[in-house]
Amino acid sequence: MQVQNVTAAYIMKCDDDTFVRVDTVLKEIKGISRKKSLYMGNLNLLHRPLRSGKWAVTYEEWPEEVYPPYANGPGYVISIDIAKYIVSQHGNQSLRLFKMEDVSMGMWVEQFNSSSAVQYSHNWKFCQYGCMEGYFTAHYQSPRQMICLWDKLARGRAQCCNFR
């Protein structure tokens, strides 16, 4: 990642099956104080690692009982200073890597937060599963659904498309 060449104040990560209402996300960001670094999304607090199943994490991988606060992976925003911190930590090989990208980001933001104040901004409208009324992001969207969502937005309506 070449953060050095980015002039943006914020970076949004989203999955390729996530539809983003960019205008609404930008409006949400503008409503937040710029005095602190920003970590915005559908935040998990005191989330416990699953010890069995598809997303199982062993005690060797994560010995603690809870993860640091982290935003669900379908879509979240970080300010550029957090991104630059992550890049520098990676560059000097002191970035802890973890098998789940969203939890990793939570770990890195927590580490950054120990020396710089971070504004954690939670909103359910960064949908983790599917689409909901007034969404900022809609997850698990097929290409057909993405076209439908875009068409509805172009007509001034942020409504879900409930077909596959």
C-alpha atoms as a PDB file:
ATOM      1  CA  MET A   1       0.000   0.000   0.000  1.00  0.00           C
ATOM      2  CA  GLN A   2       1.433   3.362  -1.039  1.00  0.00           C
ATOM      3  CA  VAL A   3      -0.112   5.652   1.585  1.00  0.00           C
ATOM      4  CA  GLN A   4       2.692   8.190   1.048  1.00  0.00           C
ATOM      5  CA  ASN A   5       1.143   9.125  -2.327  1.00  0.00           C
ATOM      6  CA  VAL A   6      -2.442   9.432  -1.104  1.00  0.00           C
ATOM      7  CA  THR A   7      -3.909  12.871  -0.503  1.00  0.00           C
ATOM      8  CA  ALA A   8      -7.197  11.605   0.961  1.00  0.00           C
ATOM      9  CA  ALA A   9      -7.989  12.317   4.607  1.00  0.00           C
ATOM     10  CA  TYR A  10      -9.775   8.951   4.991  1.00  0.00           C
ATOM     11  CA  ILE A  11      -9.594   5.459   3.524  1.00  0.00           C
ATOM     12  CA  MET A  12     -12.514   3.060   3.303  1.00  0.00           C
ATOM     13  CA  LYS A  13     -12.023  -0.668   3.082  1.00  0.00           C
ATOM     14  CA  CYS A  14     -14.916  -2.713   1.761  1.00  0.00           C
ATOM     15  CA  ASP A  15     -15.488  -6.190   0.393  1.00  0.00           C
ATOM     16  CA  ASP A  16     -16.181  -6.644  -3.311  1.00  0.00           C
ATOM     17  CA  ASP A  17     -19.738  -7.777  -2.503  1.00  0.00           C
ATOM     18  CA  THR A  18     -20.449  -4.592  -0.534  1.00  0.00           C
ATOM     19  CA  PHE A  19     -22.414  -1.721  -2.070  1.00  0.00           C
ATOM     20  CA  VAL A  20     -21.387   1.651  -0.586  1.00  0.00           C
ATOM     21  CA  ARG A  21     -23.437   4.833  -0.483  1.00  0.00           C
ATOM     22  CA  VAL A  22     -20.366   7.030  -0.737  1.00  0.00           C
ATOM     23  CA  ASP A  23     -22.319  10.286  -0.329  1.00  0.00           C
ATOM     24  CA  THR A  24     -23.869   9.066   2.936  1.00  0.00           C
ATOM     25  CA  VAL A  25     -20.565   7.755   4.320  1.00  0.00           C
ATOM     26  CA  LEU A  26     -18.897  11.104   3.527  1.00  0.00           C
ATOM     27  CA  LYS A  27     -21.758  12.958   5.235  1.00  0.00           C
ATOM     28  CA  GLU A  28     -21.332  10.746   8.323  1.00  0.00           C
ATOM     29  CA  ILE A  29     -17.577  11.461   8.370  1.00  0.00           C
ATOM     30  CA  LYS A  30     -18.182  15.220   8.110  1.00  0.00           C
ATOM     31  CA  GLY A  31     -20.350  15.039  11.234  1.00  0.00           C
ATOM     32  CA  ILE A  32     -17.372  13.839  13.299  1.00  0.00           C
ATOM     33  CA  SER A  33     -14.793  16.107  14.942  1.00  0.00           C
ATOM     34  CA  ARG A  34     -11.526  16.272  12.995  1.00  0.00           C
ATOM     35  CA  LYS A  35      -9.548  16.738  16.235  1.00  0.00           C
ATOM     36  CA  LYS A  36      -9.098  12.987  16.625  1.00  0.00           C
ATOM     37  CA  SER A  37      -8.146  10.121  14.358  1.00  0.00           C
ATOM     38  CA  LEU A  38     -11.167   8.179  13.075  1.00  0.00           C
ATOM     39  CA  TYR A  39     -12.172   4.522  13.040  1.00  0.00           C
ATOM     40  CA  MET A  40     -15.748   4.206  11.782  1.00  0.00           C
ATOM     41  CA  GLY A  41     -17.977   1.244  11.035  1.00  0.00           C
ATOM     42  CA  ASN A  42     -20.219  -1.359  12.614  1.00  0.00           C
ATOM     43  CA  LEU A  43     -18.085  -1.876  15.721  1.00  0.00           C
ATOM     44  CA  ASN A  44     -17.866  -5.026  17.789  1.00  0.00           C
ATOM     45  CA  LEU A  45     -17.136  -4.405  21.462  1.00  0.00           C
ATOM     46  CA  LEU A  46     -16.077  -7.186  23.825  1.00  0.00           C
ATOM     47  CA  HIS A  47     -16.411  -9.728  21.004  1.00  0.00           C
ATOM     48  CA  ARG A  48     -15.229 -13.194  22.048  1.00  0.00           C
ATOM     49  CA  PRO A  49     -13.138 -15.359  19.704  1.00  0.00           C
ATOM     50  CA  LEU A  50     -14.897 -18.431  18.341  1.00  0.00           C
ATOM     51  CA  ARG A  51     -12.990 -21.501  19.435  1.00  0.00           C
ATOM     52  CA  SER A  52     -14.601 -23.928  16.952  1.00  0.00           C
ATOM     53  CA  GLY A  53     -16.040 -23.844  13.429  1.00  0.00           C
ATOM     54  CA  LYS A  54     -15.077 -21.975  10.267  1.00  0.00           C
ATOM     55  CA  TRP A  55     -13.733 -18.879  12.078  1.00  0.00           C
ATOM     56  CA  ALA A  56     -12.104 -20.816  14.933  1.00  0.00           C
ATOM     57  CA  VAL A  57      -9.166 -19.170  16.689  1.00  0.00           C
ATOM     58  CA  THR A  58      -6.902 -21.242  18.915  1.00  0.00           C
ATOM     59  CA  TYR A  59      -5.620 -20.025  22.282  1.00  0.00           C
ATOM     60  CA  GLU A  60      -2.137 -19.963  20.730  1.00  0.00           C
ATOM     61  CA  GLU A  61      -3.375 -17.545  18.050  1.00  0.00           C
ATOM     62  CA  TRP A  62      -5.344 -15.367  20.490  1.00  0.00           C
ATOM     63  CA  PRO A  63      -4.944 -16.204  24.206  1.00  0.00           C
ATOM     64  CA  GLU A  64      -7.193 -13.393  25.473  1.00  0.00           C
ATOM     65  CA  GLU A  65     -10.918 -13.811  26.117  1.00  0.00           C
ATOM     66  CA  VAL A  66     -12.029 -10.836  23.987  1.00  0.00           C
ATOM     67  CA  TYR A  67     -10.806  -9.007  20.887  1.00  0.00           C
ATOM     68  CA  PRO A  68     -10.074  -5.283  20.907  1.00  0.00           C
ATOM     69  CA  PRO A  69     -12.923  -3.182  19.454  1.00  0.00           C
ATOM     70  CA  TYR A  70     -13.076  -3.788  15.708  1.00  0.00           C
ATOM     71  CA  ALA A  71     -15.337  -2.850  12.794  1.00  0.00           C
ATOM     72  CA  ASN A  72     -16.956  -5.645  10.814  1.00  0.00           C
ATOM     73  CA  GLY A  73     -15.091  -6.439   7.614  1.00  0.00           C
ATOM     74  CA  PRO A  74     -17.700  -5.625   4.928  1.00  0.00           C
ATOM     75  CA  GLY A  75     -16.918  -1.914   5.197  1.00  0.00           C
ATOM     76  CA  TYR A  76     -15.165   0.549   7.508  1.00  0.00           C
ATOM     77  CA  VAL A  77     -13.281   3.850   7.425  1.00  0.00           C
ATOM     78  CA  ILE A  78      -9.936   4.881   8.927  1.00  0.00           C
ATOM     79  CA  SER A  79      -8.256   8.266   8.888  1.00  0.00           C
ATOM     80  CA  ILE A  80      -5.026   8.644   6.922  1.00  0.00           C
ATOM     81  CA  ASP A  81      -2.859   8.959  10.054  1.00  0.00           C
ATOM     82  CA  ILE A  82      -3.939   5.474  11.160  1.00  0.00           C
ATOM     83  CA  ALA A  83      -3.178   4.119   7.666  1.00  0.00           C
ATOM     84  CA  LYS A  84       0.279   5.733   7.698  1.00  0.00           C
ATOM     85  CA  TYR A  85       0.950   4.271  11.155  1.00  0.00           C
ATOM     86  CA  ILE A  86       0.029   0.769   9.920  1.00  0.00           C
ATOM     87  CA  VAL A  87       2.286   1.141   6.870  1.00  0.00           C
ATOM     88  CA  SER A  88       5.215   2.327   9.029  1.00  0.00           C
ATOM     89  CA  GLN A  89       4.695  -0.518  11.524  1.00  0.00           C
ATOM     90  CA  HIS A  90       4.654  -2.984   8.636  1.00  0.00           C
ATOM     91  CA  GLY A  91       7.764  -1.374   7.159  1.00  0.00           C
ATOM     92  CA  ASN A  92       9.767  -1.865  10.352  1.00  0.00           C
ATOM     93  CA  GLN A  93       8.329  -5.384  10.770  1.00  0.00           C
ATOM     94  CA  SER A  94       6.582  -4.645  14.063  1.00  0.00           C
ATOM     95  CA  LEU A  95       3.019  -5.102  12.810  1.00  0.00           C
ATOM     96  CA  ARG A  96       1.237  -8.039  14.403  1.00  0.00           C
ATOM     97  CA  LEU A  97      -0.502 -10.048  11.684  1.00  0.00           C
ATOM     98  CA  PHE A  98      -3.680 -11.996  12.416  1.00  0.00           C
ATOM     99  CA  LYS A  99      -5.745 -14.248  10.177  1.00  0.00           C
ATOM    100  CA  MET A 100      -8.879 -12.083  10.228  1.00  0.00           C
ATOM    101  CA  GLU A 101      -8.405  -8.715   8.540  1.00  0.00           C
ATOM    102  CA  ASP A 102     -11.131  -6.878  10.458  1.00  0.00           C
ATOM    103  CA  VAL A 103      -9.844  -8.046  13.852  1.00  0.00           C
ATOM    104  CA  SER A 104      -6.306  -7.170  12.732  1.00  0.00           C
ATOM    105  CA  MET A 105      -7.412  -3.623  11.978  1.00  0.00           C
ATOM    106  CA  GLY A 106      -8.951  -3.412  15.454  1.00  0.00           C
ATOM    107  CA  MET A 107      -5.637  -4.531  16.976  1.00  0.00           C
ATOM    108  CA  TRP A 108      -3.682  -1.965  14.963  1.00  0.00           C
ATOM    109  CA  VAL A 109      -6.088   0.874  15.784  1.00  0.00           C
ATOM    110  CA  GLU A 110      -5.915  -0.046  19.481  1.00  0.00           C
ATOM    111  CA  GLN A 111      -2.110   0.062  19.296  1.00  0.00           C
ATOM    112  CA  PHE A 112      -2.252   3.455  17.528  1.00  0.00           C
ATOM    113  CA  ASN A 113      -4.797   4.671  20.111  1.00  0.00           C
ATOM    114  CA  SER A 114      -2.302   4.067  22.926  1.00  0.00           C
ATOM    115  CA  SER A 115      -0.299   7.081  21.691  1.00  0.00           C
ATOM    116  CA  SER A 116      -2.884   9.143  19.726  1.00  0.00           C
ATOM    117  CA  ALA A 117      -6.567   9.733  20.487  1.00  0.00           C
ATOM    118  CA  VAL A 118      -8.925   7.781  18.224  1.00  0.00           C
ATOM    119  CA  GLN A 119     -12.617   8.531  17.780  1.00  0.00           C
ATOM    120  CA  TYR A 120     -14.386   5.150  17.564  1.00  0.00           C
ATOM    121  CA  SER A 121     -17.614   5.771  15.638  1.00  0.00           C
ATOM    122  CA  HIS A 122     -20.192   2.968  15.558  1.00  0.00           C
ATOM    123  CA  ASN A 123     -23.172   2.773  13.246  1.00  0.00           C
ATOM    124  CA  TRP A 124     -25.393  -0.231  12.464  1.00  0.00           C
ATOM    125  CA  LYS A 125     -25.974   1.198   8.987  1.00  0.00           C
ATOM    126  CA  PHE A 126     -22.607  -0.273   7.983  1.00  0.00           C
ATOM    127  CA  CYS A 127     -24.571  -3.500   7.444  1.00  0.00           C
ATOM    128  CA  GLN A 128     -22.775  -6.726   8.214  1.00  0.00           C
ATOM    129  CA  TYR A 129     -25.491  -8.972   6.744  1.00  0.00           C
ATOM    130  CA  GLY A 130     -27.404  -7.929   3.655  1.00  0.00           C
ATOM    131  CA  CYS A 131     -29.213  -4.632   3.360  1.00  0.00           C
ATOM    132  CA  MET A 132     -31.404  -2.599   5.693  1.00  0.00           C
ATOM    133  CA  GLU A 133     -33.458   0.563   5.329  1.00  0.00           C
ATOM    134  CA  GLY A 134     -31.243   3.672   5.403  1.00  0.00           C
ATOM    135  CA  TYR A 135     -28.044   1.620   4.846  1.00  0.00           C
ATOM    136  CA  PHE A 136     -24.570   3.131   4.447  1.00  0.00           C
ATOM    137  CA  THR A 137     -23.256  -0.183   3.113  1.00  0.00           C
ATOM    138  CA  ALA A 138     -25.105  -3.296   1.949  1.00  0.00           C
ATOM    139  CA  HIS A 139     -23.202  -6.591   2.214  1.00  0.00           C
ATOM    140  CA  TYR A 140     -23.531  -9.891   0.301  1.00  0.00           C
ATOM    141  CA  GLN A 141     -24.868  -8.098  -2.778  1.00  0.00           C
ATOM    142  CA  SER A 142     -24.825  -9.890  -6.134  1.00  0.00           C
ATOM    143  CA  PRO A 143     -23.875  -7.983  -9.297  1.00  0.00           C
ATOM    144  CA  ARG A 144     -27.600  -7.794 -10.184  1.00  0.00           C
ATOM    145  CA  GLN A 145     -28.401  -6.377  -6.751  1.00  0.00           C
ATOM    146  CA  MET A 146     -25.604  -3.809  -7.084  1.00  0.00           C
ATOM    147  CA  ILE A 147     -27.086  -2.569 -10.388  1.00  0.00           C
ATOM    148  CA  CYS A 148     -30.533  -2.426  -8.786  1.00  0.00           C
ATOM    149  CA  LEU A 149     -29.186  -0.518  -5.738  1.00  0.00           C
ATOM    150  CA  TRP A 150     -27.412   1.944  -8.039  1.00  0.00           C
ATOM    151  CA  ASP A 151     -30.542   2.443 -10.162  1.00  0.00           C
ATOM    152  CA  LYS A 152     -32.632   3.119  -7.052  1.00  0.00           C
ATOM    153  CA  LEU A 153     -30.032   5.572  -5.703  1.00  0.00           C
ATOM    154  CA  ALA A 154     -29.913   7.378  -9.054  1.00  0.00           C
ATOM    155  CA  ARG A 155     -33.680   7.893  -8.700  1.00  0.00           C
ATOM    156  CA  GLY A 156     -33.170   9.334  -5.207  1.00  0.00           C
ATOM    157  CA  ARG A 157     -34.186   6.286  -3.184  1.00  0.00           C
ATOM    158  CA  ALA A 158     -31.858   4.292  -0.951  1.00  0.00           C
ATOM    159  CA  GLN A 159     -33.877   1.084  -0.944  1.00  0.00           C
ATOM    160  CA  CYS A 160     -32.767  -2.533  -0.772  1.00  0.00           C
ATOM    161  CA  CYS A 161     -33.096  -4.989  -3.659  1.00  0.00           C
ATOM    162  CA  ASN A 162     -34.323  -8.250  -2.150  1.00  0.00           C
ATOM    163  CA  PHE A 163     -33.493 -10.746  -4.887  1.00  0.00           C
ATOM    164  CA  ARG A 164     -30.258 -12.557  -5.787  1.00  0.00           C
END
